[in-house]
Amino acid sequence: MEKAGKDGRMNIFRRYFASSRYNRLLIQQALVQSARDDGGAPDVAKMEQLHNLDFSDTVKRVKKYGYYDEFLDAVKEEADALQKIVEAYDRRMNPD
């Protein structure tokens, strides 16, 4: 990570969050599909648990290696991007 430089680390963090969003979509897909498969719900719960554990572990690692402030910059970017997505859904779901 050190050799990547600040810009490189930010790109790594951005890819991490993009991967996280993708994984959340896969979890949502599995949840929806579990309506047809009564035994699928525990799999979804396990997927969510692993996803949340990965995030927690990632935060611990970036703190341990001294990149937490940079990670928080990426967190802000991700939060802003998610807010825009939520707002777009709000406009679609509640047209006035």
N, C-alpha and C. Protein backbone atom coordinates (compact mmCIF):
# COMPACT_ATOMS: atom_id res chain seq x y z
N MET A 1 0.82 -1.19 0.00
CA MET A 1 0.00 0.00 0.00
C MET A 1 0.87 1.26 0.00
N GLU A 2 1.98 1.21 0.70
CA GLU A 2 2.82 2.39 0.79
C GLU A 2 3.35 2.80 -0.59
N LYS A 3 3.73 1.81 -1.38
CA LYS A 3 4.27 2.10 -2.72
C LYS A 3 3.21 2.68 -3.65
N ALA A 4 1.94 2.41 -3.36
CA ALA A 4 0.87 2.89 -4.22
C ALA A 4 0.73 4.40 -4.16
N GLY A 5 1.16 5.03 -3.10
CA GLY A 5 0.98 6.46 -2.94
C GLY A 5 -0.46 6.77 -2.57
N LYS A 6 -0.70 8.03 -2.20
CA LYS A 6 -2.04 8.41 -1.74
C LYS A 6 -3.09 8.21 -2.83
N ASP A 7 -2.82 8.64 -4.05
CA ASP A 7 -3.79 8.48 -5.13
C ASP A 7 -4.06 7.01 -5.41
N GLY A 8 -3.03 6.22 -5.39
CA GLY A 8 -3.19 4.79 -5.61
C GLY A 8 -4.01 4.14 -4.52
N ARG A 9 -3.77 4.54 -3.28
CA ARG A 9 -4.55 3.98 -2.17
C ARG A 9 -6.01 4.40 -2.28
N MET A 10 -6.25 5.65 -2.65
CA MET A 10 -7.64 6.09 -2.83
C MET A 10 -8.33 5.24 -3.89
N ASN A 11 -7.63 4.93 -4.97
CA ASN A 11 -8.22 4.07 -6.00
C ASN A 11 -8.48 2.67 -5.47
N ILE A 12 -7.59 2.17 -4.63
CA ILE A 12 -7.80 0.86 -4.00
C ILE A 12 -9.04 0.90 -3.13
N PHE A 13 -9.16 1.95 -2.34
CA PHE A 13 -10.33 2.09 -1.47
C PHE A 13 -11.61 2.24 -2.29
N ARG A 14 -11.55 2.99 -3.39
CA ARG A 14 -12.73 3.13 -4.26
C ARG A 14 -13.15 1.78 -4.83
N ARG A 15 -12.17 1.01 -5.27
CA ARG A 15 -12.48 -0.34 -5.80
C ARG A 15 -13.05 -1.22 -4.70
N TYR A 16 -12.55 -1.06 -3.49
CA TYR A 16 -13.10 -1.83 -2.37
C TYR A 16 -14.59 -1.52 -2.19
N PHE A 17 -14.93 -0.24 -2.20
CA PHE A 17 -16.33 0.14 -2.01
C PHE A 17 -17.19 -0.30 -3.19
N ALA A 18 -16.66 -0.23 -4.40
CA ALA A 18 -17.41 -0.71 -5.55
C ALA A 18 -17.67 -2.21 -5.41
N SER A 19 -16.67 -2.94 -4.97
CA SER A 19 -16.83 -4.37 -4.74
C SER A 19 -17.85 -4.64 -3.64
N SER A 20 -17.82 -3.82 -2.61
CA SER A 20 -18.77 -3.97 -1.51
C SER A 20 -20.20 -3.76 -2.00
N ARG A 21 -20.41 -2.73 -2.84
CA ARG A 21 -21.76 -2.49 -3.38
C ARG A 21 -22.21 -3.66 -4.24
N TYR A 22 -21.30 -4.18 -5.04
CA TYR A 22 -21.60 -5.35 -5.87
C TYR A 22 -22.00 -6.54 -4.99
N ASN A 23 -21.26 -6.77 -3.94
CA ASN A 23 -21.57 -7.88 -3.04
C ASN A 23 -22.93 -7.68 -2.37
N ARG A 24 -23.26 -6.43 -2.02
CA ARG A 24 -24.58 -6.16 -1.44
C ARG A 24 -25.69 -6.50 -2.43
N LEU A 25 -25.45 -6.21 -3.71
CA LEU A 25 -26.43 -6.58 -4.73
C LEU A 25 -26.59 -8.09 -4.83
N LEU A 26 -25.48 -8.81 -4.73
CA LEU A 26 -25.56 -10.28 -4.74
C LEU A 26 -26.33 -10.80 -3.53
N ILE A 27 -26.14 -10.17 -2.39
CA ILE A 27 -26.88 -10.55 -1.19
C ILE A 27 -28.36 -10.28 -1.40
N GLN A 28 -28.69 -9.13 -1.96
CA GLN A 28 -30.09 -8.80 -2.23
C GLN A 28 -30.69 -9.80 -3.22
N GLN A 29 -29.93 -10.16 -4.23
CA GLN A 29 -30.40 -11.14 -5.20
C GLN A 29 -30.68 -12.48 -4.52
N ALA A 30 -29.78 -12.91 -3.66
CA ALA A 30 -29.97 -14.17 -2.94
C ALA A 30 -31.20 -14.07 -2.02
N LEU A 31 -31.41 -12.92 -1.41
CA LEU A 31 -32.58 -12.73 -0.55
C LEU A 31 -33.87 -12.89 -1.35
N VAL A 32 -33.93 -12.22 -2.49
CA VAL A 32 -35.12 -12.31 -3.33
C VAL A 32 -35.34 -13.75 -3.78
N GLN A 33 -34.28 -14.42 -4.17
CA GLN A 33 -34.40 -15.80 -4.63
C GLN A 33 -34.79 -16.74 -3.50
N SER A 34 -34.52 -16.34 -2.27
CA SER A 34 -34.87 -17.20 -1.14
C SER A 34 -36.38 -17.32 -0.97
N ALA A 35 -37.15 -16.43 -1.60
CA ALA A 35 -38.60 -16.53 -1.55
C ALA A 35 -39.08 -17.82 -2.21
N ARG A 36 -38.30 -18.31 -3.17
CA ARG A 36 -38.64 -19.57 -3.85
C ARG A 36 -38.03 -20.77 -3.16
N ASP A 37 -37.03 -20.51 -2.35
CA ASP A 37 -36.29 -21.60 -1.69
C ASP A 37 -36.30 -21.34 -0.19
N ASP A 38 -37.19 -22.02 0.51
CA ASP A 38 -37.33 -21.78 1.96
C ASP A 38 -36.02 -21.96 2.71
N GLY A 39 -35.12 -22.77 2.20
CA GLY A 39 -33.85 -23.01 2.89
C GLY A 39 -32.80 -21.97 2.60
N GLY A 40 -33.11 -20.97 1.75
CA GLY A 40 -32.11 -20.00 1.34
C GLY A 40 -31.83 -18.89 2.33
N ALA A 41 -32.75 -18.64 3.24
CA ALA A 41 -32.58 -17.52 4.18
C ALA A 41 -31.31 -17.63 5.02
N PRO A 42 -30.98 -18.81 5.55
CA PRO A 42 -29.72 -18.89 6.32
C PRO A 42 -28.49 -18.56 5.47
N ASP A 43 -28.54 -18.90 4.18
CA ASP A 43 -27.42 -18.55 3.30
C ASP A 43 -27.28 -17.04 3.18
N VAL A 44 -28.41 -16.36 3.07
CA VAL A 44 -28.40 -14.91 2.97
C VAL A 44 -27.84 -14.31 4.26
N ALA A 45 -28.28 -14.80 5.38
CA ALA A 45 -27.78 -14.30 6.67
C ALA A 45 -26.28 -14.50 6.78
N LYS A 46 -25.79 -15.64 6.31
CA LYS A 46 -24.35 -15.93 6.35
C LYS A 46 -23.60 -14.98 5.43
N MET A 47 -24.16 -14.72 4.24
CA MET A 47 -23.53 -13.78 3.32
C MET A 47 -23.43 -12.40 3.94
N GLU A 48 -24.51 -11.95 4.57
CA GLU A 48 -24.50 -10.64 5.22
C GLU A 48 -23.48 -10.59 6.35
N GLN A 49 -23.43 -11.65 7.11
CA GLN A 49 -22.48 -11.71 8.23
C GLN A 49 -21.05 -11.63 7.71
N LEU A 50 -20.74 -12.37 6.66
CA LEU A 50 -19.38 -12.34 6.10
C LEU A 50 -19.06 -10.97 5.51
N HIS A 51 -20.03 -10.38 4.86
CA HIS A 51 -19.83 -9.05 4.28
C HIS A 51 -19.52 -8.03 5.37
N ASN A 52 -20.30 -8.05 6.44
CA ASN A 52 -20.09 -7.12 7.55
C ASN A 52 -18.76 -7.38 8.26
N LEU A 53 -18.41 -8.63 8.41
CA LEU A 53 -17.13 -8.98 9.04
C LEU A 53 -15.96 -8.49 8.19
N ASP A 54 -16.08 -8.64 6.87
CA ASP A 54 -15.03 -8.15 5.97
C ASP A 54 -14.84 -6.65 6.13
N PHE A 55 -15.95 -5.92 6.22
CA PHE A 55 -15.85 -4.46 6.39
C PHE A 55 -15.15 -4.12 7.71
N SER A 56 -15.57 -4.79 8.77
CA SER A 56 -14.96 -4.55 10.07
C SER A 56 -13.47 -4.86 10.04
N ASP A 57 -13.10 -5.96 9.42
CA ASP A 57 -11.69 -6.34 9.30
C ASP A 57 -10.91 -5.32 8.48
N THR A 58 -11.53 -4.83 7.43
CA THR A 58 -10.87 -3.83 6.58
C THR A 58 -10.60 -2.56 7.37
N VAL A 59 -11.57 -2.11 8.13
CA VAL A 59 -11.38 -0.90 8.95
C VAL A 59 -10.23 -1.13 9.94
N LYS A 60 -10.20 -2.29 10.56
CA LYS A 60 -9.11 -2.59 11.51
C LYS A 60 -7.75 -2.57 10.82
N ARG A 61 -7.69 -3.14 9.60
CA ARG A 61 -6.40 -3.18 8.88
C ARG A 61 -5.94 -1.78 8.49
N VAL A 62 -6.84 -0.95 7.97
CA VAL A 62 -6.39 0.39 7.56
C VAL A 62 -5.97 1.21 8.77
N LYS A 63 -6.62 0.99 9.91
CA LYS A 63 -6.18 1.67 11.14
C LYS A 63 -4.80 1.17 11.55
N LYS A 64 -4.62 -0.15 11.52
CA LYS A 64 -3.36 -0.75 11.95
C LYS A 64 -2.18 -0.25 11.12
N TYR A 65 -2.40 -0.10 9.81
CA TYR A 65 -1.30 0.29 8.93
C TYR A 65 -1.20 1.79 8.68
N GLY A 66 -2.04 2.57 9.37
CA GLY A 66 -1.90 4.02 9.32
C GLY A 66 -2.56 4.72 8.14
N TYR A 67 -3.52 4.06 7.51
CA TYR A 67 -4.19 4.67 6.36
C TYR A 67 -5.64 5.04 6.66
N TYR A 68 -5.98 5.14 7.93
CA TYR A 68 -7.37 5.38 8.32
C TYR A 68 -7.89 6.72 7.82
N ASP A 69 -7.10 7.78 7.92
CA ASP A 69 -7.55 9.09 7.46
C ASP A 69 -7.86 9.08 5.96
N GLU A 70 -7.00 8.41 5.20
CA GLU A 70 -7.25 8.29 3.76
C GLU A 70 -8.49 7.44 3.50
N PHE A 71 -8.65 6.39 4.27
CA PHE A 71 -9.83 5.54 4.14
C PHE A 71 -11.09 6.35 4.43
N LEU A 72 -11.02 7.22 5.44
CA LEU A 72 -12.17 8.07 5.76
C LEU A 72 -12.51 9.02 4.61
N ASP A 73 -11.49 9.47 3.87
CA ASP A 73 -11.76 10.28 2.68
C ASP A 73 -12.56 9.46 1.67
N ALA A 74 -12.18 8.21 1.50
CA ALA A 74 -12.91 7.33 0.58
C ALA A 74 -14.30 7.01 1.12
N VAL A 75 -14.42 6.89 2.43
CA VAL A 75 -15.74 6.68 3.06
C VAL A 75 -16.65 7.86 2.73
N LYS A 76 -16.13 9.06 2.83
CA LYS A 76 -16.94 10.25 2.51
C LYS A 76 -17.39 10.21 1.06
N GLU A 77 -16.48 9.90 0.16
CA GLU A 77 -16.84 9.78 -1.26
C GLU A 77 -17.95 8.75 -1.45
N GLU A 78 -17.80 7.61 -0.80
CA GLU A 78 -18.78 6.53 -0.93
C GLU A 78 -20.12 6.95 -0.34
N ALA A 79 -20.09 7.61 0.80
CA ALA A 79 -21.33 8.07 1.42
C ALA A 79 -22.04 9.07 0.50
N ASP A 80 -21.29 9.95 -0.12
CA ASP A 80 -21.89 10.91 -1.05
C ASP A 80 -22.49 10.20 -2.26
N ALA A 81 -21.77 9.21 -2.80
CA ALA A 81 -22.27 8.45 -3.95
C ALA A 81 -23.53 7.68 -3.58
N LEU A 82 -23.54 7.08 -2.41
CA LEU A 82 -24.73 6.34 -1.96
C LEU A 82 -25.90 7.28 -1.75
N GLN A 83 -25.63 8.48 -1.23
CA GLN A 83 -26.71 9.46 -1.05
C GLN A 83 -27.34 9.82 -2.38
N LYS A 84 -26.52 9.99 -3.41
CA LYS A 84 -27.05 10.30 -4.75
C LYS A 84 -27.90 9.14 -5.28
N ILE A 85 -27.47 7.92 -5.04
CA ILE A 85 -28.24 6.75 -5.47
C ILE A 85 -29.58 6.72 -4.74
N VAL A 86 -29.56 6.94 -3.44
CA VAL A 86 -30.79 6.94 -2.64
C VAL A 86 -31.73 8.04 -3.14
N GLU A 87 -31.18 9.21 -3.40
CA GLU A 87 -32.02 10.32 -3.89
C GLU A 87 -32.64 9.99 -5.24
N ALA A 88 -31.87 9.34 -6.12
CA ALA A 88 -32.41 8.94 -7.42
C ALA A 88 -33.55 7.93 -7.23
N TYR A 89 -33.39 6.99 -6.33
CA TYR A 89 -34.47 6.04 -6.04
C TYR A 89 -35.67 6.75 -5.43
N ASP A 90 -35.43 7.70 -4.55
CA ASP A 90 -36.52 8.46 -3.95
C ASP A 90 -37.35 9.16 -5.03
N ARG A 91 -36.66 9.77 -6.00
CA ARG A 91 -37.37 10.46 -7.07
C ARG A 91 -38.19 9.48 -7.90
N ARG A 92 -37.65 8.30 -8.15
CA ARG A 92 -38.39 7.28 -8.91
C ARG A 92 -39.57 6.72 -8.13
N MET A 93 -39.36 6.50 -6.86
CA MET A 93 -40.38 5.88 -6.04
C MET A 93 -41.48 6.85 -5.63
N ASN A 94 -41.15 8.12 -5.57
CA ASN A 94 -42.10 9.14 -5.11
C ASN A 94 -42.18 10.30 -6.09
N PRO A 95 -42.61 10.03 -7.33
CA PRO A 95 -42.69 11.15 -8.28
C PRO A 95 -43.82 12.10 -7.86
N ASP A 96 -43.53 13.36 -7.92
CA ASP A 96 -44.53 14.37 -7.53
C ASP A 96 -44.94 15.22 -8.69
